[in-house]
Amino acid sequence: MNSVLTTDHPAWQAYEDGSWARAVRTSSGIWAVSRDGDGLHVVCVEGTEDVKPEFVASDPVRLPSAAPAGLRAGLAGLGVTQRLANPWLWDAITTAILRQVVRAEQARKLYRAWCSNYGRTVEGPRGALAVAPAPATVLALAEEEFAAVGAKFHRSALVAAATAYEQRHQKWEGLHAASLVLELTQIPRIGPWTAAAAAADFTGDFSVYPHDDLAVRTWATKIAPAYPWPGKKDKTFGPLWTGWAGPDPTALHTLTLATLTWGAHVG
């Protein structure tokens, strides 16, 4: 049986036949990654195959036993899940920035418009797929070009991030997730939420994800509605969530990523 694919990243395109596809850039080329009834397919469509995209598997046996039974039962129903660890740190940063302020569906539309207008488009198994514009491209865009795709608000953060990325990306790419979060928060207009979301996307380690994120809270309450969850303005959700995992980062990673996966597929 095929494991469940996590499709939280806005690059994933869903098709009527139930398949999914996205384009990703590694250090050696651009790849079309897809999932259909026959499983996962990873094809290099531009450049070389030297560096291949990698998937991170999460097994429900690693869910924290302290989490509510209803939550664990709902997540265990997913079985083993797989998520593509974003191989391009710049895309992970871009995605997190474009998620600032706007709701998830609007962020998805914004990301796709950003990539299709200013990024690189390649042919995938079901049609065109696009990757994000490179930092140099972003720095060359005029202010009105940001506004044309709805990214006027995000312009200063994207420009600051592109500038910093060109100077420091080689150092950043070798860091563990927690250290990467700290580095990214040094960029103007990159706060802890944006930095943590980007680091989790790139490293595949969701123990550093912003655990009081609206998506995590929303899906958790839907999975286990009988549990007395903290209210929307109650700041105890984050400590409650991380407390269930205790000192085990794998348990926290599994709990968080499985919840986001559940939301992408069931919610």
Protein backbone atom coordinates (compact mmCIF):
# COMPACT_ATOMS: atom_id res chain seq x y z
CA MET A 1 0.00 0.00 0.00
CA ASN A 2 1.28 3.46 -0.86
CA SER A 3 1.93 5.80 2.05
CA VAL A 4 0.12 9.13 2.28
CA LEU A 5 1.86 12.05 0.59
CA THR A 6 1.97 15.33 2.51
CA THR A 7 0.87 18.10 0.13
CA ASP A 8 0.93 21.14 2.42
CA HIS A 9 3.37 23.07 0.19
CA PRO A 10 1.54 25.39 -2.27
CA ALA A 11 3.55 24.09 -5.23
CA TRP A 12 1.60 20.82 -5.23
CA GLN A 13 -0.98 20.71 -8.01
CA ALA A 14 -3.97 18.37 -7.68
CA TYR A 15 -5.54 16.77 -10.75
CA GLU A 16 -8.95 15.25 -11.42
CA ASP A 17 -7.56 11.73 -11.64
CA GLY A 18 -6.34 11.99 -8.05
CA SER A 19 -2.68 12.52 -8.93
CA TRP A 20 -0.41 15.29 -7.63
CA ALA A 21 2.64 17.00 -9.10
CA ARG A 22 5.07 19.84 -8.43
CA ALA A 23 8.39 21.08 -9.74
CA VAL A 24 11.38 21.48 -7.42
CA ARG A 25 14.89 22.79 -7.88
CA THR A 26 17.91 21.04 -6.40
CA SER A 27 21.50 22.25 -6.66
CA SER A 28 21.90 20.26 -9.89
CA GLY A 29 18.63 20.80 -11.75
CA ILE A 30 14.84 20.99 -11.82
CA TRP A 31 12.74 17.91 -11.13
CA ALA A 32 9.11 17.03 -11.79
CA VAL A 33 7.84 15.14 -8.74
CA SER A 34 4.49 13.39 -8.98
CA ARG A 35 2.29 10.89 -7.23
CA ASP A 36 -0.36 8.69 -8.86
CA GLY A 37 -1.87 5.26 -8.36
CA ASP A 38 1.47 3.65 -9.18
CA GLY A 39 3.34 5.60 -6.50
CA LEU A 40 5.95 8.37 -6.51
CA HIS A 41 7.80 9.48 -9.63
CA VAL A 42 10.83 11.77 -9.62
CA VAL A 43 12.12 12.88 -13.03
CA CYS A 44 14.88 15.36 -13.82
CA VAL A 45 13.54 17.73 -16.51
CA GLU A 46 16.36 20.28 -16.60
CA GLY A 47 20.02 20.13 -15.56
CA THR A 48 21.60 16.97 -14.20
CA GLU A 49 20.51 14.17 -11.88
CA ASP A 50 23.43 14.59 -9.49
CA VAL A 51 21.29 15.82 -6.56
CA LYS A 52 17.90 14.13 -6.24
CA PRO A 53 14.96 15.35 -4.11
CA GLU A 54 14.47 13.41 -0.88
CA PHE A 55 11.37 12.46 1.08
CA VAL A 56 10.97 12.39 4.86
CA ALA A 57 8.81 9.56 6.24
CA SER A 58 6.78 9.86 9.43
CA ASP A 59 5.42 6.81 11.24
CA PRO A 60 2.46 7.13 13.66
CA VAL A 61 4.19 4.75 16.09
CA ARG A 62 6.31 7.79 17.02
CA LEU A 63 3.32 9.90 18.08
CA PRO A 64 3.65 11.00 21.72
CA SER A 65 1.66 8.75 24.07
CA ALA A 66 0.74 11.79 26.19
CA ALA A 67 -1.30 13.34 23.35
CA PRO A 68 -5.10 12.95 23.58
CA ALA A 69 -6.34 9.52 22.52
CA GLY A 70 -8.74 10.99 19.97
CA LEU A 71 -5.96 12.96 18.33
CA ARG A 72 -3.62 9.97 18.21
CA ALA A 73 -6.33 7.73 16.79
CA GLY A 74 -7.18 10.20 14.03
CA LEU A 75 -3.55 10.65 13.05
CA ALA A 76 -2.75 6.95 13.24
CA GLY A 77 -5.40 6.40 10.59
CA LEU A 78 -3.12 8.08 8.07
CA GLY A 79 -0.48 5.40 8.43
CA VAL A 80 3.05 6.21 7.34
CA THR A 81 3.29 9.57 5.57
CA GLN A 82 5.91 11.00 3.23
CA ARG A 83 6.81 14.65 2.72
CA LEU A 84 9.22 16.11 0.22
CA ALA A 85 11.92 18.01 2.09
CA ASN A 86 12.15 21.18 0.03
CA PRO A 87 15.57 20.87 -1.65
CA TRP A 88 15.87 24.61 -2.34
CA LEU A 89 16.20 26.76 0.76
CA TRP A 90 15.35 29.86 -1.24
CA ASP A 91 11.97 28.42 -2.19
CA ALA A 92 11.31 27.50 1.44
CA ILE A 93 12.06 31.08 2.51
CA THR A 94 9.96 32.50 -0.34
CA THR A 95 7.01 30.26 0.54
CA ALA A 96 7.09 31.24 4.20
CA ILE A 97 7.25 34.95 3.35
CA LEU A 98 4.32 34.73 0.96
CA ARG A 99 2.30 33.06 3.72
CA GLN A 100 2.68 36.12 5.95
CA VAL A 101 -0.66 37.76 6.88
CA VAL A 102 -2.76 36.06 4.18
CA ARG A 103 -4.89 32.92 4.59
CA ALA A 104 -3.69 29.55 3.32
CA GLU A 105 -5.76 29.48 0.13
CA GLN A 106 -4.78 33.04 -0.79
CA ALA A 107 -1.13 32.23 -0.08
CA ARG A 108 -1.40 29.24 -2.43
CA LYS A 109 -2.76 31.45 -5.25
CA LEU A 110 -0.14 34.11 -4.57
CA TYR A 111 2.72 31.60 -4.60
CA ARG A 112 1.60 30.10 -7.88
CA ALA A 113 1.16 33.49 -9.54
CA TRP A 114 4.61 34.52 -8.29
CA CYS A 115 6.24 31.40 -9.72
CA SER A 116 4.38 31.29 -13.04
CA ASN A 117 5.02 34.98 -13.76
CA TYR A 118 8.63 35.35 -12.65
CA GLY A 119 10.01 31.84 -12.08
CA ARG A 120 11.06 29.00 -14.38
CA THR A 121 8.31 26.90 -16.00
CA VAL A 122 8.88 23.29 -17.03
CA GLU A 123 6.68 20.51 -18.36
CA GLY A 124 5.32 18.05 -15.81
CA PRO A 125 3.37 14.80 -16.22
CA ARG A 126 0.03 16.65 -16.34
CA GLY A 127 1.08 20.03 -17.73
CA ALA A 128 3.16 23.06 -16.89
CA LEU A 129 4.80 23.40 -13.47
CA ALA A 130 6.78 26.37 -12.18
CA VAL A 131 9.52 26.96 -9.63
CA ALA A 132 10.13 30.19 -7.75
CA PRO A 133 12.18 33.03 -9.25
CA ALA A 134 15.81 33.01 -8.14
CA PRO A 135 17.09 35.65 -5.70
CA ALA A 136 18.81 37.60 -8.52
CA THR A 137 15.53 37.74 -10.42
CA VAL A 138 13.69 39.01 -7.35
CA LEU A 139 16.24 41.77 -6.83
CA ALA A 140 15.77 42.89 -10.45
CA LEU A 141 11.97 43.18 -10.24
CA ALA A 142 10.37 46.62 -10.22
CA GLU A 143 7.96 47.57 -7.45
CA GLU A 144 4.98 47.39 -9.80
CA GLU A 145 5.89 43.81 -10.72
CA PHE A 146 5.43 42.75 -7.11
CA ALA A 147 2.08 44.52 -7.04
CA ALA A 148 0.99 42.87 -10.31
CA VAL A 149 0.82 39.42 -8.68
CA GLY A 150 -0.41 40.61 -5.28
CA ALA A 151 2.96 40.59 -3.52
CA LYS A 152 3.29 44.31 -2.83
CA PHE A 153 3.05 43.76 0.93
CA HIS A 154 5.75 41.08 0.78
CA ARG A 155 8.20 43.06 -1.36
CA SER A 156 10.48 44.39 1.38
CA ALA A 157 10.77 40.97 3.03
CA LEU A 158 11.48 39.21 -0.26
CA VAL A 159 14.13 41.77 -1.25
CA ALA A 160 15.81 41.62 2.16
CA ALA A 161 15.74 37.82 2.10
CA ALA A 162 17.12 37.64 -1.46
CA THR A 163 19.98 39.96 -0.52
CA ALA A 164 20.84 37.95 2.58
CA TYR A 165 20.46 34.62 0.79
CA GLU A 166 23.00 35.52 -1.88
CA GLN A 167 25.49 36.41 0.83
CA ARG A 168 24.91 33.58 3.33
CA HIS A 169 23.07 30.65 1.77
CA GLN A 170 26.08 28.32 1.76
CA LYS A 171 26.37 28.66 5.54
CA TRP A 172 22.62 28.35 6.06
CA GLU A 173 22.30 25.18 4.01
CA GLY A 174 24.63 23.30 6.34
CA LEU A 175 22.81 24.16 9.56
CA HIS A 176 20.50 22.03 11.65
CA ALA A 177 16.89 23.17 11.76
CA ALA A 178 16.99 25.01 15.10
CA SER A 179 20.17 26.90 14.16
CA LEU A 180 18.72 27.79 10.78
CA VAL A 181 15.68 29.33 12.46
CA LEU A 182 17.93 31.62 14.48
CA GLU A 183 19.91 32.65 11.39
CA LEU A 184 16.81 33.46 9.35
CA THR A 185 15.34 35.68 12.07
CA GLN A 186 18.25 38.07 11.48
CA ILE A 187 16.73 39.04 8.11
CA PRO A 188 14.55 42.17 8.29
CA ARG A 189 10.83 41.31 8.35
CA ILE A 190 11.55 37.64 9.00
CA GLY A 191 10.10 36.85 12.40
CA PRO A 192 10.14 33.60 14.37
CA TRP A 193 7.04 32.19 12.62
CA THR A 194 8.38 32.75 9.09
CA ALA A 195 11.86 31.49 10.00
CA ALA A 196 10.51 28.33 11.65
CA ALA A 197 8.16 27.54 8.76
CA ALA A 198 10.98 27.95 6.24
CA ALA A 199 13.43 25.86 8.26
CA ALA A 200 10.92 23.03 8.70
CA ASP A 201 10.11 23.02 4.98
CA PHE A 202 13.78 22.89 3.97
CA THR A 203 15.13 20.42 6.54
CA GLY A 204 12.00 18.28 6.78
CA ASP A 205 12.22 18.60 10.59
CA PHE A 206 8.83 19.72 11.87
CA SER A 207 9.92 19.71 15.49
CA VAL A 208 10.87 23.36 14.83
CA TYR A 209 7.61 24.28 13.07
CA PRO A 210 5.57 27.10 14.72
CA HIS A 211 3.33 24.78 16.72
CA ASP A 212 0.69 27.36 17.59
CA ASP A 213 0.16 28.00 13.88
CA LEU A 214 -3.49 28.46 12.90
CA ALA A 215 -3.38 25.41 10.63
CA VAL A 216 -2.12 23.14 13.42
CA ARG A 217 -4.77 24.43 15.83
CA THR A 218 -7.56 24.17 13.28
CA TRP A 219 -6.85 20.60 12.22
CA ALA A 220 -6.17 19.39 15.75
CA THR A 221 -9.58 20.59 16.93
CA LYS A 222 -11.25 18.91 13.97
CA ILE A 223 -9.45 15.61 14.52
CA ALA A 224 -10.33 15.49 18.23
CA PRO A 225 -13.36 17.75 18.76
CA ALA A 226 -14.17 16.26 22.16
CA TYR A 227 -10.90 17.43 23.68
CA PRO A 228 -11.09 20.74 25.63
CA TRP A 229 -8.73 22.71 23.40
CA PRO A 230 -7.56 26.21 24.40
CA GLY A 231 -9.50 29.08 22.82
CA LYS A 232 -8.27 30.97 19.77
CA LYS A 233 -6.70 33.76 21.83
CA ASP A 234 -5.37 31.42 24.51
CA LYS A 235 -1.58 31.26 24.32
CA THR A 236 -1.31 27.90 26.09
CA PHE A 237 -1.77 25.84 22.90
CA GLY A 238 1.91 25.90 21.93
CA PRO A 239 3.25 24.79 25.33
CA LEU A 240 0.48 22.17 25.56
CA TRP A 241 1.42 20.76 22.14
CA THR A 242 5.16 20.63 22.75
CA GLY A 243 4.62 19.35 26.29
CA TRP A 244 2.97 16.17 25.03
CA ALA A 245 6.14 15.33 23.11
CA GLY A 246 8.44 16.21 25.98
CA PRO A 247 12.16 16.07 25.09
CA ASP A 248 11.60 13.78 22.08
CA PRO A 249 11.97 15.84 18.87
CA THR A 250 10.83 12.93 16.70
CA ALA A 251 7.54 12.71 18.60
CA LEU A 252 6.99 16.44 18.18
CA HIS A 253 7.90 16.25 14.49
CA THR A 254 5.52 13.35 13.93
CA LEU A 255 2.65 14.97 15.85
CA THR A 256 2.95 18.26 13.96
CA LEU A 257 3.58 16.93 10.48
CA ALA A 258 0.87 14.28 10.75
CA THR A 259 -1.62 16.97 11.80
CA LEU A 260 -0.74 19.13 8.79
CA THR A 261 -0.96 16.07 6.54
CA TRP A 262 -4.39 15.22 7.93
CA GLY A 263 -5.54 18.74 7.15
CA ALA A 264 -4.27 18.57 3.57
CA HIS A 265 -6.05 15.28 2.88
CA VAL A 266 -9.06 15.06 5.15
CA GLY A 267 -9.75 18.53 6.49
